[in-house]
Structure formats: structure tokens, C-alpha cells
Amino acid sequence: MRRIRGLIWRYKNSRRRSFRSKLKRAITSKSKPIALIIIAIAIAWPAYEAYLTNTGEPGTISCYRPHITDGDTLRCNQIRIRLYSIDAPEMNGHCREGRKCVDGDPYASKDYLISITRGIVTCTPIEKDHYGRTVAACKSEQSEDLSCSMVKAGHAIERYGRLRCSA
């Protein structure tokens, strides 16, 4: 009789487990290494991002192979950057009505900017434009000044400022 009461008591109380005990049961010995790896990545990721973006110069933005939006805009570490003092042809459908857009091949302009930003790109912010983008003077391993390279190659025109390109 005592044994039956014990079994009934265990059965009733087994359904009233706390969340913590259920969680402990869910994490088996097989899933613990995976959980530890995920935690280690979550802790190490910000340090890795800081390593990639640290140029030693305060106030600069640096990244490896930025995403190129068009011939004068790129995305570096989730920051939208517009190249200082140039205007490149807009991608199809991006030229607002009433705005005088640059003539030329927007795809060739974008491809050329991609080709000169294949390594580490470092940008020095100058200001913010009315779209919220950071206007910056940028350089890469292939080019001392991306804006000057775009103008010299004929993929952009000088506008919105004064470029100082070396001969």
C-alpha cells in the first residue's frame, strides 16, 4: 500500500516540474557543446568586428570589401557612405523627377567602384547629407582617393564640393 501511495505521489508531482527543471532536462549532454559554441560566438563577435574596423585613426570608418550601391555610394559596416564631391550616374529608376542626373552608364560606374574597393577601404567622415548618409573622403588599397579615381576614369563628375586630386 505504501508503495502504491509513493507511485501516485510521484506521478502527480512529476507533472508539476518547474521551468528550470524542464530546461535542465532539455539541455542534454549532447547539446551543451553546441550551446557553448553559440555563446562563445556571441561574446567574440563584437571583438572581431572591432578588429576588422580598427585602423588606429580615431574618427575613421574602415571595412573589407564594402557593399557598393552605385557609383558614388557604398555601405561600410552598415554605415551608408557617399563619396565626397562627386556625382555618378544613377541606377535605373533612382533619378528623381526634376533632378538633373549625370549621363552615363550606371552599371559601368558601379563596376569600376567595385573594382577599386576589393581590399580594405578607409573613409574619413566629413558631414551628413540630407538622406542621412555619411559624406566621406575614402581611400583603398587600389586607390589613394576613390572620388578622384572615379572622376579620372570618367565614371563620375565633380559636384557638391572641390576635389583636390594629384596629377
N, C-alpha and C. Protein backbone atom coordinates (compact mmCIF):
# COMPACT_ATOMS: atom_id res chain seq x y z
N MET A 1 0.82 -1.19 0.00
CA MET A 1 0.00 0.00 0.00
C MET A 1 0.87 1.27 0.00
N ARG A 2 1.90 1.23 0.83
CA ARG A 2 2.82 2.35 0.91
C ARG A 2 3.49 2.60 -0.44
N ARG A 3 3.83 1.53 -1.07
CA ARG A 3 4.48 1.64 -2.36
C ARG A 3 3.56 2.26 -3.41
N ILE A 4 2.29 1.90 -3.39
CA ILE A 4 1.33 2.44 -4.34
C ILE A 4 1.14 3.94 -4.09
N ARG A 5 1.04 4.36 -2.81
CA ARG A 5 0.91 5.78 -2.48
C ARG A 5 2.12 6.57 -2.98
N GLY A 6 3.31 5.97 -2.85
CA GLY A 6 4.53 6.63 -3.32
C GLY A 6 4.52 6.81 -4.82
N LEU A 7 4.06 5.80 -5.55
CA LEU A 7 3.97 5.90 -7.00
C LEU A 7 2.96 6.96 -7.42
N ILE A 8 1.81 7.00 -6.73
CA ILE A 8 0.79 8.00 -7.05
C ILE A 8 1.35 9.40 -6.78
N TRP A 9 2.02 9.59 -5.65
CA TRP A 9 2.59 10.90 -5.30
C TRP A 9 3.63 11.33 -6.35
N ARG A 10 4.49 10.40 -6.77
CA ARG A 10 5.49 10.72 -7.79
C ARG A 10 4.84 11.08 -9.11
N TYR A 11 3.78 10.37 -9.46
CA TYR A 11 3.09 10.65 -10.71
C TYR A 11 2.47 12.06 -10.70
N LYS A 12 1.79 12.40 -9.61
CA LYS A 12 1.17 13.73 -9.51
C LYS A 12 2.22 14.84 -9.53
N ASN A 13 3.30 14.67 -8.82
CA ASN A 13 4.32 15.71 -8.72
C ASN A 13 5.23 15.78 -9.94
N SER A 14 5.25 14.72 -10.71
CA SER A 14 6.10 14.75 -11.89
C SER A 14 5.56 15.75 -12.92
N ARG A 15 4.28 16.02 -12.93
CA ARG A 15 3.71 16.96 -13.87
C ARG A 15 3.89 18.40 -13.41
N ARG A 16 4.29 18.65 -12.19
CA ARG A 16 4.44 19.99 -11.66
C ARG A 16 5.90 20.45 -11.64
N ARG A 17 6.65 20.07 -12.61
CA ARG A 17 8.06 20.47 -12.64
C ARG A 17 8.17 21.94 -12.98
N SER A 18 9.17 22.55 -12.40
CA SER A 18 9.39 23.97 -12.68
C SER A 18 10.00 24.13 -14.06
N PHE A 19 9.95 25.35 -14.55
CA PHE A 19 10.54 25.66 -15.85
C PHE A 19 12.03 25.36 -15.83
N ARG A 20 12.68 25.67 -14.73
CA ARG A 20 14.13 25.46 -14.62
C ARG A 20 14.47 23.97 -14.74
N SER A 21 13.70 23.11 -14.08
CA SER A 21 14.00 21.68 -14.16
C SER A 21 13.71 21.15 -15.57
N LYS A 22 12.68 21.68 -16.23
CA LYS A 22 12.40 21.27 -17.60
C LYS A 22 13.53 21.71 -18.53
N LEU A 23 14.04 22.91 -18.29
CA LEU A 23 15.14 23.41 -19.10
C LEU A 23 16.38 22.55 -18.91
N LYS A 24 16.65 22.17 -17.67
CA LYS A 24 17.82 21.32 -17.39
C LYS A 24 17.68 19.97 -18.11
N ARG A 25 16.48 19.44 -18.14
CA ARG A 25 16.28 18.17 -18.83
C ARG A 25 16.42 18.33 -20.34
N ALA A 26 16.00 19.49 -20.86
CA ALA A 26 16.06 19.72 -22.30
C ALA A 26 17.50 19.84 -22.78
N ILE A 27 18.35 20.43 -21.94
CA ILE A 27 19.75 20.56 -22.31
C ILE A 27 20.46 19.27 -21.94
N THR A 28 20.63 18.45 -22.92
CA THR A 28 21.28 17.17 -22.68
C THR A 28 22.78 17.33 -22.82
N SER A 29 23.50 16.30 -22.56
CA SER A 29 24.95 16.36 -22.67
C SER A 29 25.39 16.55 -24.12
N LYS A 30 24.53 16.17 -25.09
CA LYS A 30 24.87 16.35 -26.49
C LYS A 30 24.73 17.79 -26.95
N SER A 31 23.77 18.54 -26.38
CA SER A 31 23.54 19.90 -26.83
C SER A 31 24.39 20.94 -26.09
N LYS A 32 25.03 20.55 -25.01
CA LYS A 32 25.85 21.51 -24.25
C LYS A 32 27.01 22.07 -25.07
N PRO A 33 27.76 21.25 -25.81
CA PRO A 33 28.85 21.85 -26.61
C PRO A 33 28.35 22.85 -27.66
N ILE A 34 27.20 22.57 -28.25
CA ILE A 34 26.65 23.49 -29.23
C ILE A 34 26.27 24.81 -28.57
N ALA A 35 25.65 24.72 -27.40
CA ALA A 35 25.27 25.93 -26.67
C ALA A 35 26.52 26.74 -26.29
N LEU A 36 27.57 26.07 -25.89
CA LEU A 36 28.81 26.77 -25.54
C LEU A 36 29.43 27.46 -26.76
N ILE A 37 29.37 26.82 -27.90
CA ILE A 37 29.89 27.43 -29.13
C ILE A 37 29.10 28.68 -29.49
N ILE A 38 27.78 28.60 -29.39
CA ILE A 38 26.93 29.76 -29.70
C ILE A 38 27.22 30.91 -28.75
N ILE A 39 27.38 30.63 -27.49
CA ILE A 39 27.70 31.67 -26.50
C ILE A 39 29.06 32.28 -26.79
N ALA A 40 30.04 31.45 -27.14
CA ALA A 40 31.38 31.95 -27.45
C ALA A 40 31.36 32.86 -28.66
N ILE A 41 30.59 32.51 -29.68
CA ILE A 41 30.48 33.35 -30.87
C ILE A 41 29.82 34.68 -30.52
N ALA A 42 28.77 34.63 -29.71
CA ALA A 42 28.07 35.86 -29.33
C ALA A 42 28.99 36.80 -28.55
N ILE A 43 29.89 36.24 -27.76
CA ILE A 43 30.82 37.06 -26.99
C ILE A 43 31.95 37.57 -27.87
N ALA A 44 32.45 36.74 -28.76
CA ALA A 44 33.62 37.10 -29.56
C ALA A 44 33.30 37.98 -30.77
N TRP A 45 32.05 37.97 -31.27
CA TRP A 45 31.73 38.70 -32.49
C TRP A 45 32.02 40.21 -32.39
N PRO A 46 31.61 40.91 -31.34
CA PRO A 46 31.92 42.34 -31.27
C PRO A 46 33.43 42.63 -31.28
N ALA A 47 34.21 41.77 -30.66
CA ALA A 47 35.66 41.96 -30.67
C ALA A 47 36.21 41.76 -32.09
N TYR A 48 35.67 40.81 -32.83
CA TYR A 48 36.09 40.56 -34.21
C TYR A 48 35.73 41.76 -35.10
N GLU A 49 34.52 42.30 -34.93
CA GLU A 49 34.11 43.48 -35.70
C GLU A 49 35.04 44.66 -35.40
N ALA A 50 35.39 44.84 -34.13
CA ALA A 50 36.29 45.93 -33.76
C ALA A 50 37.67 45.72 -34.39
N TYR A 51 38.12 44.48 -34.45
CA TYR A 51 39.41 44.17 -35.07
C TYR A 51 39.41 44.53 -36.56
N LEU A 52 38.31 44.21 -37.26
CA LEU A 52 38.23 44.49 -38.69
C LEU A 52 38.15 45.99 -38.98
N THR A 53 37.52 46.75 -38.08
CA THR A 53 37.30 48.16 -38.36
C THR A 53 38.32 49.07 -37.71
N ASN A 54 39.22 48.57 -36.91
CA ASN A 54 40.18 49.43 -36.22
C ASN A 54 41.33 49.77 -37.15
N THR A 55 41.47 51.04 -37.47
CA THR A 55 42.56 51.49 -38.33
C THR A 55 43.62 52.21 -37.52
N GLY A 56 43.37 52.42 -36.25
CA GLY A 56 44.32 53.15 -35.43
C GLY A 56 44.09 54.65 -35.50
N GLU A 57 43.29 55.12 -36.46
CA GLU A 57 42.99 56.53 -36.60
C GLU A 57 41.60 56.79 -36.03
N PRO A 58 41.49 57.69 -35.04
CA PRO A 58 40.16 57.97 -34.48
C PRO A 58 39.28 58.68 -35.50
N GLY A 59 38.01 58.36 -35.51
CA GLY A 59 37.06 59.01 -36.40
C GLY A 59 37.01 58.47 -37.81
N THR A 60 37.69 57.38 -38.10
CA THR A 60 37.63 56.81 -39.44
C THR A 60 36.73 55.58 -39.47
N ILE A 61 36.23 55.29 -40.64
CA ILE A 61 35.41 54.10 -40.86
C ILE A 61 36.19 53.22 -41.81
N SER A 62 36.36 51.97 -41.45
CA SER A 62 37.15 51.07 -42.27
C SER A 62 36.46 49.72 -42.37
N CYS A 63 36.56 49.12 -43.54
CA CYS A 63 35.97 47.79 -43.72
C CYS A 63 36.65 47.09 -44.88
N TYR A 64 36.39 45.80 -44.98
CA TYR A 64 36.94 44.98 -46.05
C TYR A 64 35.84 44.73 -47.07
N ARG A 65 36.09 45.06 -48.32
CA ARG A 65 35.15 44.87 -49.43
C ARG A 65 33.74 45.40 -49.10
N PRO A 66 33.56 46.71 -49.11
CA PRO A 66 32.23 47.25 -48.81
C PRO A 66 31.21 46.89 -49.88
N HIS A 67 29.95 46.97 -49.51
CA HIS A 67 28.86 46.75 -50.47
C HIS A 67 28.69 48.03 -51.28
N ILE A 68 28.72 47.94 -52.60
CA ILE A 68 28.59 49.11 -53.46
C ILE A 68 27.15 49.23 -53.92
N THR A 69 26.52 50.38 -53.64
CA THR A 69 25.15 50.63 -54.05
C THR A 69 25.10 51.15 -55.47
N ASP A 70 25.89 52.19 -55.74
CA ASP A 70 26.03 52.73 -57.09
C ASP A 70 27.40 53.37 -57.21
N GLY A 71 27.61 54.22 -58.22
CA GLY A 71 28.93 54.76 -58.48
C GLY A 71 29.46 55.75 -57.47
N ASP A 72 28.61 56.22 -56.55
CA ASP A 72 29.09 57.17 -55.55
C ASP A 72 28.64 56.85 -54.13
N THR A 73 28.05 55.68 -53.94
CA THR A 73 27.54 55.30 -52.62
C THR A 73 27.98 53.88 -52.28
N LEU A 74 28.43 53.69 -51.04
CA LEU A 74 28.81 52.37 -50.57
C LEU A 74 28.34 52.17 -49.14
N ARG A 75 28.34 50.92 -48.71
CA ARG A 75 27.94 50.59 -47.34
C ARG A 75 29.11 49.89 -46.67
N CYS A 76 29.59 50.52 -45.61
CA CYS A 76 30.76 50.01 -44.88
C CYS A 76 30.36 49.82 -43.42
N ASN A 77 30.36 48.58 -42.94
CA ASN A 77 29.94 48.27 -41.57
C ASN A 77 28.55 48.82 -41.25
N GLN A 78 27.63 48.61 -42.14
CA GLN A 78 26.23 49.04 -42.02
C GLN A 78 26.07 50.56 -42.00
N ILE A 79 27.10 51.30 -42.40
CA ILE A 79 27.03 52.76 -42.49
C ILE A 79 26.98 53.12 -43.97
N ARG A 80 25.96 53.87 -44.38
CA ARG A 80 25.86 54.30 -45.78
C ARG A 80 26.79 55.49 -45.98
N ILE A 81 27.67 55.39 -46.95
CA ILE A 81 28.67 56.42 -47.20
C ILE A 81 28.54 56.92 -48.63
N ARG A 82 28.51 58.24 -48.77
CA ARG A 82 28.51 58.88 -50.09
C ARG A 82 29.89 59.47 -50.32
N LEU A 83 30.48 59.18 -51.47
CA LEU A 83 31.81 59.70 -51.77
C LEU A 83 31.77 61.22 -51.92
N TYR A 84 32.71 61.88 -51.30
CA TYR A 84 32.77 63.33 -51.25
C TYR A 84 32.97 63.95 -52.62
N SER A 85 32.18 64.98 -52.92
CA SER A 85 32.39 65.90 -54.03
C SER A 85 32.18 65.32 -55.43
N ILE A 86 31.54 64.15 -55.56
CA ILE A 86 31.29 63.62 -56.90
C ILE A 86 29.82 63.24 -57.06
N ASP A 87 29.42 63.10 -58.30
CA ASP A 87 28.09 62.59 -58.63
C ASP A 87 28.25 61.60 -59.78
N ALA A 88 27.73 60.42 -59.60
CA ALA A 88 27.83 59.35 -60.60
C ALA A 88 26.45 59.08 -61.18
N PRO A 89 26.38 58.43 -62.34
CA PRO A 89 25.08 58.09 -62.93
C PRO A 89 24.25 57.24 -61.96
N GLU A 90 22.96 57.56 -61.90
CA GLU A 90 22.06 56.83 -61.00
C GLU A 90 21.62 55.51 -61.63
N MET A 91 21.38 54.54 -60.78
CA MET A 91 20.86 53.26 -61.25
C MET A 91 19.44 53.49 -61.80
N ASN A 92 18.97 52.61 -62.66
CA ASN A 92 17.66 52.76 -63.29
C ASN A 92 16.56 52.96 -62.25
N GLY A 93 15.75 54.00 -62.45
CA GLY A 93 14.64 54.28 -61.55
C GLY A 93 15.01 55.07 -60.31
N HIS A 94 16.26 55.48 -60.16
CA HIS A 94 16.68 56.19 -58.95
C HIS A 94 16.77 57.70 -59.14
N CYS A 95 16.65 58.18 -60.35
CA CYS A 95 16.75 59.62 -60.61
C CYS A 95 15.37 60.24 -60.38
N ARG A 96 15.28 61.08 -59.34
CA ARG A 96 14.01 61.73 -59.00
C ARG A 96 13.59 62.70 -60.10
N GLU A 97 12.31 62.92 -60.20
CA GLU A 97 11.79 63.87 -61.17
C GLU A 97 12.22 65.28 -60.79
N GLY A 98 12.66 66.06 -61.77
CA GLY A 98 13.09 67.42 -61.52
C GLY A 98 14.57 67.55 -61.17
N ARG A 99 15.25 66.45 -61.01
CA ARG A 99 16.67 66.47 -60.67
C ARG A 99 17.49 66.22 -61.93
N LYS A 100 18.58 66.97 -62.09
CA LYS A 100 19.46 66.77 -63.24
C LYS A 100 20.47 65.68 -62.88
N CYS A 101 20.26 64.51 -63.42
CA CYS A 101 21.14 63.38 -63.12
C CYS A 101 22.26 63.29 -64.15
N VAL A 102 23.36 62.71 -63.74
CA VAL A 102 24.55 62.57 -64.58
C VAL A 102 24.28 61.55 -65.68
N ASP A 103 24.71 61.90 -66.89
CA ASP A 103 24.60 60.96 -68.00
C ASP A 103 25.71 59.92 -67.90
N GLY A 104 25.46 58.75 -68.42
CA GLY A 104 26.46 57.70 -68.44
C GLY A 104 25.89 56.36 -68.06
N ASP A 105 26.73 55.38 -68.06
CA ASP A 105 26.33 54.01 -67.75
C ASP A 105 26.45 53.75 -66.25
N PRO A 106 25.33 53.63 -65.55
CA PRO A 106 25.41 53.43 -64.11
C PRO A 106 26.05 52.09 -63.72
N TYR A 107 25.89 51.07 -64.57
CA TYR A 107 26.45 49.76 -64.27
C TYR A 107 27.97 49.75 -64.42
N ALA A 108 28.47 50.47 -65.42
CA ALA A 108 29.92 50.58 -65.59
C ALA A 108 30.53 51.36 -64.43
N SER A 109 29.83 52.39 -63.98
CA SER A 109 30.29 53.19 -62.85
C SER A 109 30.35 52.36 -61.58
N LYS A 110 29.31 51.60 -61.34
CA LYS A 110 29.25 50.73 -60.16
C LYS A 110 30.34 49.66 -60.24
N ASP A 111 30.50 49.04 -61.40
CA ASP A 111 31.52 48.00 -61.57
C ASP A 111 32.93 48.54 -61.36
N TYR A 112 33.18 49.76 -61.83
CA TYR A 112 34.51 50.35 -61.63
C TYR A 112 34.76 50.61 -60.14
N LEU A 113 33.74 51.12 -59.43
CA LEU A 113 33.91 51.35 -57.99
C LEU A 113 34.13 50.02 -57.25
N ILE A 114 33.46 48.97 -57.68
CA ILE A 114 33.68 47.65 -57.09
C ILE A 114 35.13 47.22 -57.31
N SER A 115 35.65 47.46 -58.51
CA SER A 115 37.00 47.01 -58.83
C SER A 115 38.08 47.73 -58.03
N ILE A 116 37.83 48.97 -57.62
CA ILE A 116 38.85 49.70 -56.85
C ILE A 116 38.60 49.64 -55.34
N THR A 117 37.62 48.84 -54.91
CA THR A 117 37.36 48.66 -53.47
C THR A 117 37.41 47.19 -53.09
N ARG A 118 38.28 46.42 -53.70
CA ARG A 118 38.33 44.98 -53.43
C ARG A 118 39.04 44.64 -52.13
N GLY A 119 39.80 45.55 -51.58
CA GLY A 119 40.52 45.29 -50.32
C GLY A 119 39.92 46.09 -49.19
N ILE A 120 40.78 46.60 -48.34
CA ILE A 120 40.34 47.40 -47.19
C ILE A 120 40.09 48.83 -47.67
N VAL A 121 38.94 49.37 -47.29
CA VAL A 121 38.56 50.74 -47.61
C VAL A 121 38.50 51.52 -46.31
N THR A 122 39.12 52.71 -46.30
CA THR A 122 39.13 53.57 -45.13
C THR A 122 38.52 54.91 -45.52
N CYS A 123 37.54 55.36 -44.74
CA CYS A 123 36.84 56.61 -45.03
C CYS A 123 36.95 57.57 -43.86
N THR A 124 37.16 58.84 -44.18
CA THR A 124 37.19 59.90 -43.18
C THR A 124 35.92 60.72 -43.34
N PRO A 125 34.99 60.64 -42.36
CA PRO A 125 33.72 61.36 -42.47
C PRO A 125 33.92 62.87 -42.51
N ILE A 126 33.09 63.53 -43.33
CA ILE A 126 33.14 64.98 -43.45
C ILE A 126 31.84 65.59 -42.91
N GLU A 127 30.70 65.06 -43.36
CA GLU A 127 29.40 65.58 -42.93
C GLU A 127 28.32 64.54 -43.21
N LYS A 128 27.07 64.89 -42.93
CA LYS A 128 25.91 64.05 -43.27
C LYS A 128 25.14 64.77 -44.37
N ASP A 129 24.61 64.01 -45.34
CA ASP A 129 23.79 64.65 -46.36
C ASP A 129 22.32 64.61 -45.97
N HIS A 130 21.45 65.17 -46.82
CA HIS A 130 20.03 65.25 -46.47
C HIS A 130 19.32 63.90 -46.51
N TYR A 131 19.98 62.85 -46.98
CA TYR A 131 19.42 61.49 -46.93
C TYR A 131 19.91 60.72 -45.69
N GLY A 132 20.74 61.35 -44.87
CA GLY A 132 21.25 60.69 -43.67
C GLY A 132 22.52 59.89 -43.91
N ARG A 133 23.06 59.94 -45.12
CA ARG A 133 24.30 59.23 -45.41
C ARG A 133 25.49 60.03 -44.91
N THR A 134 26.56 59.34 -44.60
CA THR A 134 27.80 59.99 -44.22
C THR A 134 28.56 60.34 -45.49
N VAL A 135 28.87 61.62 -45.65
CA VAL A 135 29.69 62.06 -46.79
C VAL A 135 31.13 61.95 -46.33
N ALA A 136 31.96 61.24 -47.09
CA ALA A 136 33.32 60.96 -46.63
C ALA A 136 34.31 60.92 -47.79
N ALA A 137 35.55 61.22 -47.44
CA ALA A 137 36.67 61.03 -48.37
C ALA A 137 37.22 59.64 -48.11
N CYS A 138 37.22 58.80 -49.12
CA CYS A 138 37.60 57.40 -48.94
C CYS A 138 38.83 57.04 -49.77
N LYS A 139 39.58 56.07 -49.25
CA LYS A 139 40.72 55.53 -50.00
C LYS A 139 40.72 54.02 -49.84
N SER A 140 41.43 53.36 -50.74
CA SER A 140 41.50 51.90 -50.69
C SER A 140 42.92 51.47 -50.99
N GLU A 141 43.14 50.17 -51.01
CA GLU A 141 44.45 49.63 -51.34
C GLU A 141 44.79 49.89 -52.81
N GLN A 142 43.75 50.01 -53.66
CA GLN A 142 43.96 50.22 -55.09
C GLN A 142 43.99 51.71 -55.47
N SER A 143 43.43 52.58 -54.63
CA SER A 143 43.30 53.99 -54.98
C SER A 143 43.52 54.87 -53.76
N GLU A 144 44.31 55.94 -53.93
CA GLU A 144 44.57 56.87 -52.84
C GLU A 144 43.33 57.70 -52.51
N ASP A 145 42.51 58.00 -53.52
CA ASP A 145 41.27 58.75 -53.32
C ASP A 145 40.22 58.21 -54.30
N LEU A 146 39.17 57.60 -53.75
CA LEU A 146 38.15 56.98 -54.61
C LEU A 146 37.43 58.00 -55.46
N SER A 147 37.14 59.18 -54.91
CA SER A 147 36.44 60.21 -55.68
C SER A 147 37.26 60.63 -56.89
N CYS A 148 38.55 60.88 -56.69
CA CYS A 148 39.43 61.27 -57.80
C CYS A 148 39.52 60.17 -58.85
N SER A 149 39.61 58.94 -58.41
CA SER A 149 39.69 57.81 -59.35
C SER A 149 38.43 57.70 -60.20
N MET A 150 37.28 57.92 -59.58
CA MET A 150 36.02 57.84 -60.33
C MET A 150 35.94 58.94 -61.38
N VAL A 151 36.37 60.17 -61.03
CA VAL A 151 36.33 61.28 -61.98
C VAL A 151 37.34 61.07 -63.09
N LYS A 152 38.57 60.66 -62.74
CA LYS A 152 39.62 60.44 -63.75
C LYS A 152 39.23 59.34 -64.74
N ALA A 153 38.53 58.33 -64.27
CA ALA A 153 38.12 57.22 -65.14
C ALA A 153 36.89 57.58 -65.98
N GLY A 154 36.28 58.72 -65.71
CA GLY A 154 35.12 59.15 -66.48
C GLY A 154 33.81 58.53 -66.02
N HIS A 155 33.77 57.98 -64.81
CA HIS A 155 32.55 57.35 -64.30
C HIS A 155 31.76 58.25 -63.37
N ALA A 156 32.25 59.47 -63.13
CA ALA A 156 31.56 60.42 -62.27
C ALA A 156 32.02 61.82 -62.65
N ILE A 157 31.26 62.82 -62.17
CA ILE A 157 31.66 64.21 -62.39
C ILE A 157 31.85 64.89 -61.04
N GLU A 158 32.62 65.95 -61.03
CA GLU A 158 32.83 66.71 -59.80
C GLU A 158 31.59 67.56 -59.55
N ARG A 159 31.05 67.47 -58.35
CA ARG A 159 29.86 68.22 -57.97
C ARG A 159 29.81 68.27 -56.45
N TYR A 160 29.14 69.22 -55.88
CA TYR A 160 28.92 69.35 -54.43
C TYR A 160 30.17 69.72 -53.64
N GLY A 161 31.26 70.07 -54.26
CA GLY A 161 32.47 70.41 -53.49
C GLY A 161 33.65 70.56 -54.41
N ARG A 162 34.80 70.64 -53.82
CA ARG A 162 36.03 70.83 -54.58
C ARG A 162 36.96 69.64 -54.35
N LEU A 163 37.31 68.94 -55.41
CA LEU A 163 38.25 67.82 -55.32
C LEU A 163 39.68 68.33 -55.42
N ARG A 164 40.55 67.73 -54.69
CA ARG A 164 41.99 68.04 -54.78
C ARG A 164 42.71 66.74 -55.18
N CYS A 165 42.80 66.53 -56.47
CA CYS A 165 43.44 65.31 -56.97
C CYS A 165 44.87 65.61 -57.39
N SER A 166 45.76 64.70 -57.07
CA SER A 166 47.15 64.85 -57.52
C SER A 166 47.22 64.40 -58.99
N ALA A 167 48.14 64.99 -59.70
CA ALA A 167 48.26 64.69 -61.14
C ALA A 167 48.75 63.33 -61.38
